[in-house]
Amino acid sequence: MALKKQERQAMILEILAHNVIDSQEEILHRLQHAGIAVTQATVSRDIKELRIVRRPDATGQSRYQVMADATNTTVSDKNQIEQGFADMAVEITPVSFMVVVKTTQGNGNRLAAMIDAAEMPNVIGTLAGHNTIYVTTPTADAAVALVEQFNNWMQ
């Protein structure tokens, strides 16, 4: 059966609340096992919209978790991103109008979500993997300024 987007996303949140899930494929299979007609692309979009990231839980096991709401850049949000860089960033390199951020294992998506939530003026967008983030900026000068800011947060 096909569910409305809201119902499907609520089901994904329910699955994550009661299970340790470490892959999109597992979410897809659980939905399909429940009789929900869904594609990998739809699950991927739902994960992004729901602000779900894969990160270690309290026991150190990597799992999908919902990011805390950070729609407004407040003082605590700024402290969170600064702490995120201090805890997770390993190396920062400017490449033309981009910045490459290397992170500790499994924290690329988490730190990229923090960068996105901060809505920084020099950040056009991020692309994250397991331990690497590509941050696109409008100009090479903006990339250099962003590297300086990120490096300050790493210390």
C-alpha atoms as a PDB file:
ATOM      1  CA  MET A   1       0.000   0.000   0.000  1.00  0.00           C
ATOM      2  CA  ALA A   2       1.101   3.564  -0.589  1.00  0.00           C
ATOM      3  CA  LEU A   3       1.073   5.933   2.349  1.00  0.00           C
ATOM      4  CA  LYS A   4       0.935   9.681   2.362  1.00  0.00           C
ATOM      5  CA  LYS A   5       4.311  11.304   2.901  1.00  0.00           C
ATOM      6  CA  GLN A   6       3.449  12.381   6.463  1.00  0.00           C
ATOM      7  CA  GLU A   7       2.326   8.871   7.442  1.00  0.00           C
ATOM      8  CA  ARG A   8       5.398   7.263   5.852  1.00  0.00           C
ATOM      9  CA  GLN A   9       7.744   9.678   7.625  1.00  0.00           C
ATOM     10  CA  ALA A  10       5.964   9.051  10.938  1.00  0.00           C
ATOM     11  CA  MET A  11       6.499   5.335  10.376  1.00  0.00           C
ATOM     12  CA  ILE A  12      10.222   5.914   9.740  1.00  0.00           C
ATOM     13  CA  LEU A  13      10.494   7.855  13.007  1.00  0.00           C
ATOM     14  CA  GLU A  14       8.657   5.033  14.794  1.00  0.00           C
ATOM     15  CA  ILE A  15      11.056   2.444  13.333  1.00  0.00           C
ATOM     16  CA  LEU A  16      14.075   4.487  14.475  1.00  0.00           C
ATOM     17  CA  ALA A  17      12.611   5.029  17.937  1.00  0.00           C
ATOM     18  CA  HIS A  18      12.328   1.290  18.578  1.00  0.00           C
ATOM     19  CA  ASN A  19      15.210  -0.231  16.611  1.00  0.00           C
ATOM     20  CA  VAL A  20      18.921   0.222  16.050  1.00  0.00           C
ATOM     21  CA  ILE A  21      19.071   0.929  12.319  1.00  0.00           C
ATOM     22  CA  ASP A  22      22.428   1.449  10.611  1.00  0.00           C
ATOM     23  CA  SER A  23      21.496   1.670   6.922  1.00  0.00           C
ATOM     24  CA  GLN A  24      18.924   3.221   4.618  1.00  0.00           C
ATOM     25  CA  GLU A  25      18.423  -0.208   3.117  1.00  0.00           C
ATOM     26  CA  GLU A  26      17.294  -1.542   6.484  1.00  0.00           C
ATOM     27  CA  ILE A  27      14.721   1.269   6.772  1.00  0.00           C
ATOM     28  CA  LEU A  28      13.561   0.476   3.225  1.00  0.00           C
ATOM     29  CA  HIS A  29      13.236  -3.264   4.010  1.00  0.00           C
ATOM     30  CA  ARG A  30      11.329  -2.630   7.247  1.00  0.00           C
ATOM     31  CA  LEU A  31       8.874  -0.364   5.436  1.00  0.00           C
ATOM     32  CA  GLN A  32       8.447  -2.893   2.635  1.00  0.00           C
ATOM     33  CA  HIS A  33       8.040  -5.728   5.180  1.00  0.00           C
ATOM     34  CA  ALA A  34       5.223  -3.678   6.734  1.00  0.00           C
ATOM     35  CA  GLY A  35       3.578  -3.609   3.296  1.00  0.00           C
ATOM     36  CA  ILE A  36       4.549  -0.036   2.409  1.00  0.00           C
ATOM     37  CA  ALA A  37       5.346   0.555  -1.275  1.00  0.00           C
ATOM     38  CA  VAL A  38       8.453   2.772  -1.214  1.00  0.00           C
ATOM     39  CA  THR A  39      11.669   3.275  -3.196  1.00  0.00           C
ATOM     40  CA  GLN A  40      15.237   3.878  -2.021  1.00  0.00           C
ATOM     41  CA  ALA A  41      15.104   7.414  -3.437  1.00  0.00           C
ATOM     42  CA  THR A  42      11.968   8.190  -1.419  1.00  0.00           C
ATOM     43  CA  VAL A  43      13.533   6.853   1.789  1.00  0.00           C
ATOM     44  CA  SER A  44      16.634   8.931   1.115  1.00  0.00           C
ATOM     45  CA  ARG A  45      14.539  12.108   0.660  1.00  0.00           C
ATOM     46  CA  ASP A  46      12.555  11.324   3.813  1.00  0.00           C
ATOM     47  CA  ILE A  47      15.778  10.886   5.807  1.00  0.00           C
ATOM     48  CA  LYS A  48      17.024  14.280   4.640  1.00  0.00           C
ATOM     49  CA  GLU A  49      13.713  16.041   5.325  1.00  0.00           C
ATOM     50  CA  LEU A  50      13.443  14.475   8.778  1.00  0.00           C
ATOM     51  CA  ARG A  51      17.036  15.529   9.565  1.00  0.00           C
ATOM     52  CA  ILE A  52      18.114  11.978  10.285  1.00  0.00           C
ATOM     53  CA  VAL A  53      21.846  11.317  10.398  1.00  0.00           C
ATOM     54  CA  ARG A  54      23.971   8.246  10.996  1.00  0.00           C
ATOM     55  CA  ARG A  55      26.120   8.692  14.088  1.00  0.00           C
ATOM     56  CA  PRO A  56      27.372   6.748  17.100  1.00  0.00           C
ATOM     57  CA  ASP A  57      24.880   6.350  19.940  1.00  0.00           C
ATOM     58  CA  ALA A  58      25.726   6.348  23.670  1.00  0.00           C
ATOM     59  CA  THR A  59      27.212   2.853  23.364  1.00  0.00           C
ATOM     60  CA  GLY A  60      29.356   3.820  20.357  1.00  0.00           C
ATOM     61  CA  GLN A  61      27.259   1.813  17.880  1.00  0.00           C
ATOM     62  CA  SER A  62      26.622   3.684  14.632  1.00  0.00           C
ATOM     63  CA  ARG A  63      22.896   4.182  13.965  1.00  0.00           C
ATOM     64  CA  TYR A  64      20.421   6.510  12.315  1.00  0.00           C
ATOM     65  CA  GLN A  65      19.172   9.214  14.703  1.00  0.00           C
ATOM     66  CA  VAL A  66      17.081  12.357  14.361  1.00  0.00           C
ATOM     67  CA  MET A  67      19.102  15.562  14.696  1.00  0.00           C
ATOM     68  CA  ALA A  68      17.958  17.991  17.363  1.00  0.00           C
ATOM     69  CA  ASP A  69      15.978  20.887  15.886  1.00  0.00           C
ATOM     70  CA  ALA A  70      18.314  23.732  14.950  1.00  0.00           C
ATOM     71  CA  THR A  71      16.274  25.854  12.594  1.00  0.00           C
ATOM     72  CA  ASN A  72      17.420  29.142  14.139  1.00  0.00           C
ATOM     73  CA  THR A  73      21.048  30.076  14.635  1.00  0.00           C
ATOM     74  CA  THR A  74      21.108  30.883  18.330  1.00  0.00           C
ATOM     75  CA  VAL A  75      24.012  31.150  20.747  1.00  0.00           C
ATOM     76  CA  SER A  76      23.582  27.493  21.705  1.00  0.00           C
ATOM     77  CA  ASP A  77      23.539  26.481  18.006  1.00  0.00           C
ATOM     78  CA  LYS A  78      26.800  28.373  17.458  1.00  0.00           C
ATOM     79  CA  ASN A  79      28.312  26.682  20.494  1.00  0.00           C
ATOM     80  CA  GLN A  80      27.098  23.341  19.131  1.00  0.00           C
ATOM     81  CA  ILE A  81      28.777  23.790  15.737  1.00  0.00           C
ATOM     82  CA  GLU A  82      31.974  25.065  17.374  1.00  0.00           C
ATOM     83  CA  GLN A  83      31.988  22.022  19.666  1.00  0.00           C
ATOM     84  CA  GLY A  84      31.202  19.835  16.663  1.00  0.00           C
ATOM     85  CA  PHE A  85      34.308  21.078  14.865  1.00  0.00           C
ATOM     86  CA  ALA A  86      36.420  20.673  18.007  1.00  0.00           C
ATOM     87  CA  ASP A  87      35.193  17.079  18.461  1.00  0.00           C
ATOM     88  CA  MET A  88      34.834  15.816  14.895  1.00  0.00           C
ATOM     89  CA  ALA A  89      36.922  17.834  12.414  1.00  0.00           C
ATOM     90  CA  VAL A  90      40.387  16.478  11.649  1.00  0.00           C
ATOM     91  CA  GLU A  91      41.605  18.492   8.653  1.00  0.00           C
ATOM     92  CA  ILE A  92      40.313  21.456   6.654  1.00  0.00           C
ATOM     93  CA  THR A  93      41.537  22.262   3.138  1.00  0.00           C
ATOM     94  CA  PRO A  94      40.438  24.996   0.726  1.00  0.00           C
ATOM     95  CA  VAL A  95      40.100  23.923  -2.920  1.00  0.00           C
ATOM     96  CA  SER A  96      39.183  26.850  -5.190  1.00  0.00           C
ATOM     97  CA  PHE A  97      35.635  27.854  -4.140  1.00  0.00           C
ATOM     98  CA  MET A  98      35.172  24.764  -1.958  1.00  0.00           C
ATOM     99  CA  VAL A  99      36.320  23.610   1.451  1.00  0.00           C
ATOM    100  CA  VAL A 100      37.077  19.961   2.158  1.00  0.00           C
ATOM    101  CA  VAL A 101      36.548  18.972   5.785  1.00  0.00           C
ATOM    102  CA  LYS A 102      37.880  15.605   6.944  1.00  0.00           C
ATOM    103  CA  THR A 103      36.137  14.277  10.051  1.00  0.00           C
ATOM    104  CA  THR A 104      36.530  11.422  12.474  1.00  0.00           C
ATOM    105  CA  GLN A 105      35.032   8.132  11.234  1.00  0.00           C
ATOM    106  CA  GLY A 106      31.275   8.226  10.748  1.00  0.00           C
ATOM    107  CA  ASN A 107      30.809  11.917  11.552  1.00  0.00           C
ATOM    108  CA  GLY A 108      30.722  13.516   8.093  1.00  0.00           C
ATOM    109  CA  ASN A 109      26.918  13.620   7.880  1.00  0.00           C
ATOM    110  CA  ARG A 110      26.521  14.814  11.447  1.00  0.00           C
ATOM    111  CA  LEU A 111      28.929  17.746  11.092  1.00  0.00           C
ATOM    112  CA  ALA A 112      27.516  18.636   7.649  1.00  0.00           C
ATOM    113  CA  ALA A 113      24.023  18.771   9.166  1.00  0.00           C
ATOM    114  CA  MET A 114      25.355  21.214  11.777  1.00  0.00           C
ATOM    115  CA  ILE A 115      26.900  23.375   9.035  1.00  0.00           C
ATOM    116  CA  ASP A 116      23.619  23.334   7.084  1.00  0.00           C
ATOM    117  CA  ALA A 117      21.563  24.191  10.182  1.00  0.00           C
ATOM    118  CA  ALA A 118      23.826  27.153  10.970  1.00  0.00           C
ATOM    119  CA  GLU A 119      22.743  28.809   7.686  1.00  0.00           C
ATOM    120  CA  MET A 120      26.132  30.523   7.291  1.00  0.00           C
ATOM    121  CA  PRO A 121      26.235  33.249   4.604  1.00  0.00           C
ATOM    122  CA  ASN A 122      29.380  31.856   2.909  1.00  0.00           C
ATOM    123  CA  VAL A 123      27.954  28.322   2.654  1.00  0.00           C
ATOM    124  CA  ILE A 124      25.944  27.515  -0.456  1.00  0.00           C
ATOM    125  CA  GLY A 125      25.634  23.836   0.435  1.00  0.00           C
ATOM    126  CA  THR A 126      27.324  20.718   1.732  1.00  0.00           C
ATOM    127  CA  LEU A 127      27.846  17.204   0.433  1.00  0.00           C
ATOM    128  CA  ALA A 128      28.817  14.675   3.087  1.00  0.00           C
ATOM    129  CA  GLY A 129      30.137  11.179   3.189  1.00  0.00           C
ATOM    130  CA  HIS A 130      31.274   8.929   6.010  1.00  0.00           C
ATOM    131  CA  ASN A 131      34.249  11.091   6.973  1.00  0.00           C
ATOM    132  CA  THR A 132      34.497  13.842   4.340  1.00  0.00           C
ATOM    133  CA  ILE A 133      32.437  16.974   3.707  1.00  0.00           C
ATOM    134  CA  TYR A 134      32.545  19.190   0.632  1.00  0.00           C
ATOM    135  CA  VAL A 135      31.373  22.705   1.489  1.00  0.00           C
ATOM    136  CA  THR A 136      30.578  24.890  -1.529  1.00  0.00           C
ATOM    137  CA  THR A 137      31.103  28.637  -1.176  1.00  0.00           C
ATOM    138  CA  PRO A 138      30.328  31.458  -3.638  1.00  0.00           C
ATOM    139  CA  THR A 139      33.990  32.441  -4.232  1.00  0.00           C
ATOM    140  CA  ALA A 140      37.548  31.326  -3.540  1.00  0.00           C
ATOM    141  CA  ASP A 141      37.911  34.224  -1.068  1.00  0.00           C
ATOM    142  CA  ALA A 142      34.818  33.035   0.789  1.00  0.00           C
ATOM    143  CA  ALA A 143      36.349  29.547   0.975  1.00  0.00           C
ATOM    144  CA  VAL A 144      39.552  30.950   2.528  1.00  0.00           C
ATOM    145  CA  ALA A 145      37.516  32.918   5.101  1.00  0.00           C
ATOM    146  CA  LEU A 146      35.470  29.805   5.913  1.00  0.00           C
ATOM    147  CA  VAL A 147      38.633  27.726   6.385  1.00  0.00           C
ATOM    148  CA  GLU A 148      39.889  30.312   8.876  1.00  0.00           C
ATOM    149  CA  GLN A 149      36.597  30.190  10.797  1.00  0.00           C
ATOM    150  CA  PHE A 150      36.500  26.369  10.799  1.00  0.00           C
ATOM    151  CA  ASN A 151      40.148  26.193  11.939  1.00  0.00           C
ATOM    152  CA  ASN A 152      39.358  28.532  14.846  1.00  0.00           C
ATOM    153  CA  TRP A 153      36.531  26.218  15.886  1.00  0.00           C
ATOM    154  CA  MET A 154      38.798  23.151  15.759  1.00  0.00           C
ATOM    155  CA  GLN A 155      41.004  24.516  18.540  1.00  0.00           C
END
